[in-house]
Amino acid sequence: MIKYKIDIMEALKNAGYSRSIIKNKKIISEGVMQKICHNDTDLTLKTINTLCILLDCQPSDLIEFKFDSYVDTNINL
């Protein structure tokens, strides 16, 4: 399962990107912001790219993969 390694919203805030700035400048859609706030990692590569640009980081700084029961029950390996 893919999980966030950091609090994305807190990192954006610390980088000077409040939720209102992101919304008003249409940097990331409100729907995607809701996903991030609810720890939903079903994001597009475009969104991950945008986050990496805003936070000056690599995708591996944002997310990580860990094996769990989801892999065992939903993917035939």
Protein backbone atom coordinates (compact mmCIF):
# COMPACT_ATOMS: atom_id res chain seq x y z
CA MET A 1 0.00 0.00 0.00
CA ILE A 2 1.23 3.49 -0.79
CA LYS A 3 1.23 5.90 2.15
CA TYR A 4 2.30 9.47 2.71
CA LYS A 5 5.64 9.87 4.48
CA ILE A 6 4.88 13.46 5.48
CA ASP A 7 1.88 15.65 6.19
CA ILE A 8 1.49 17.15 2.71
CA MET A 9 -0.77 20.00 3.81
CA GLU A 10 1.61 20.99 6.60
CA ALA A 11 4.58 20.86 4.22
CA LEU A 12 2.73 23.06 1.70
CA LYS A 13 1.87 25.54 4.46
CA ASN A 14 5.50 25.62 5.61
CA ALA A 15 6.58 26.25 2.01
CA GLY A 16 4.26 29.27 1.81
CA TYR A 17 1.34 27.63 0.01
CA SER A 18 -1.83 27.97 2.03
CA ARG A 19 -4.94 26.14 0.92
CA SER A 20 -6.47 29.43 -0.26
CA ILE A 21 -3.41 30.31 -2.37
CA ILE A 22 -3.45 26.87 -3.99
CA LYS A 23 -7.19 27.17 -4.67
CA ASN A 24 -7.13 30.79 -5.91
CA LYS A 25 -4.17 30.21 -8.23
CA LYS A 26 -5.68 26.89 -9.37
CA ILE A 27 -2.43 25.05 -8.66
CA ILE A 28 -4.21 21.92 -7.40
CA SER A 29 -7.96 21.30 -7.62
CA GLU A 30 -10.16 21.35 -4.53
CA GLY A 31 -11.03 17.70 -5.12
CA VAL A 32 -7.38 16.70 -5.05
CA MET A 33 -6.81 18.84 -1.97
CA GLN A 34 -9.64 16.92 -0.27
CA LYS A 35 -7.96 13.62 -1.20
CA ILE A 36 -4.68 14.79 0.30
CA CYS A 37 -6.41 15.98 3.49
CA HIS A 38 -8.05 12.56 3.87
CA ASN A 39 -4.78 10.67 3.23
CA ASP A 40 -6.10 9.31 -0.06
CA THR A 41 -3.01 8.50 -2.14
CA ASP A 42 -4.91 7.98 -5.40
CA LEU A 43 -3.16 10.92 -7.10
CA THR A 44 -2.06 11.38 -10.68
CA LEU A 45 1.58 11.70 -11.64
CA LYS A 46 0.77 15.26 -12.68
CA THR A 47 -0.30 16.05 -9.10
CA ILE A 48 2.76 14.35 -7.63
CA ASN A 49 4.90 16.35 -10.06
CA THR A 50 3.20 19.58 -8.95
CA LEU A 51 3.74 18.73 -5.27
CA CYS A 52 7.41 17.98 -5.93
CA ILE A 53 7.83 21.35 -7.66
CA LEU A 54 6.07 23.24 -4.84
CA LEU A 55 7.97 21.42 -2.11
CA ASP A 56 11.30 21.13 -3.97
CA CYS A 57 11.48 17.39 -3.34
CA GLN A 58 11.41 13.95 -4.94
CA PRO A 59 8.35 11.64 -5.02
CA SER A 60 10.11 9.35 -2.54
CA ASP A 61 10.12 12.24 -0.07
CA LEU A 62 6.31 12.29 -0.21
CA ILE A 63 5.20 8.66 -0.48
CA GLU A 64 6.36 5.16 0.34
CA PHE A 65 5.22 1.63 -0.50
CA LYS A 66 4.73 -1.03 2.15
CA PHE A 67 3.47 -4.56 1.65
CA ASP A 68 0.27 -5.28 3.54
CA SER A 69 -2.78 -7.52 3.45
CA TYR A 70 -4.20 -5.56 0.49
CA VAL A 71 -1.40 -6.86 -1.71
CA ASP A 72 -1.94 -10.43 -0.52
CA THR A 73 -5.71 -10.43 -1.06
CA ASN A 74 -6.13 -8.26 -4.17
CA ILE A 75 -3.12 -8.98 -6.34
CA ASN A 76 -2.22 -12.41 -7.64
CA LEU A 77 1.55 -12.64 -7.44
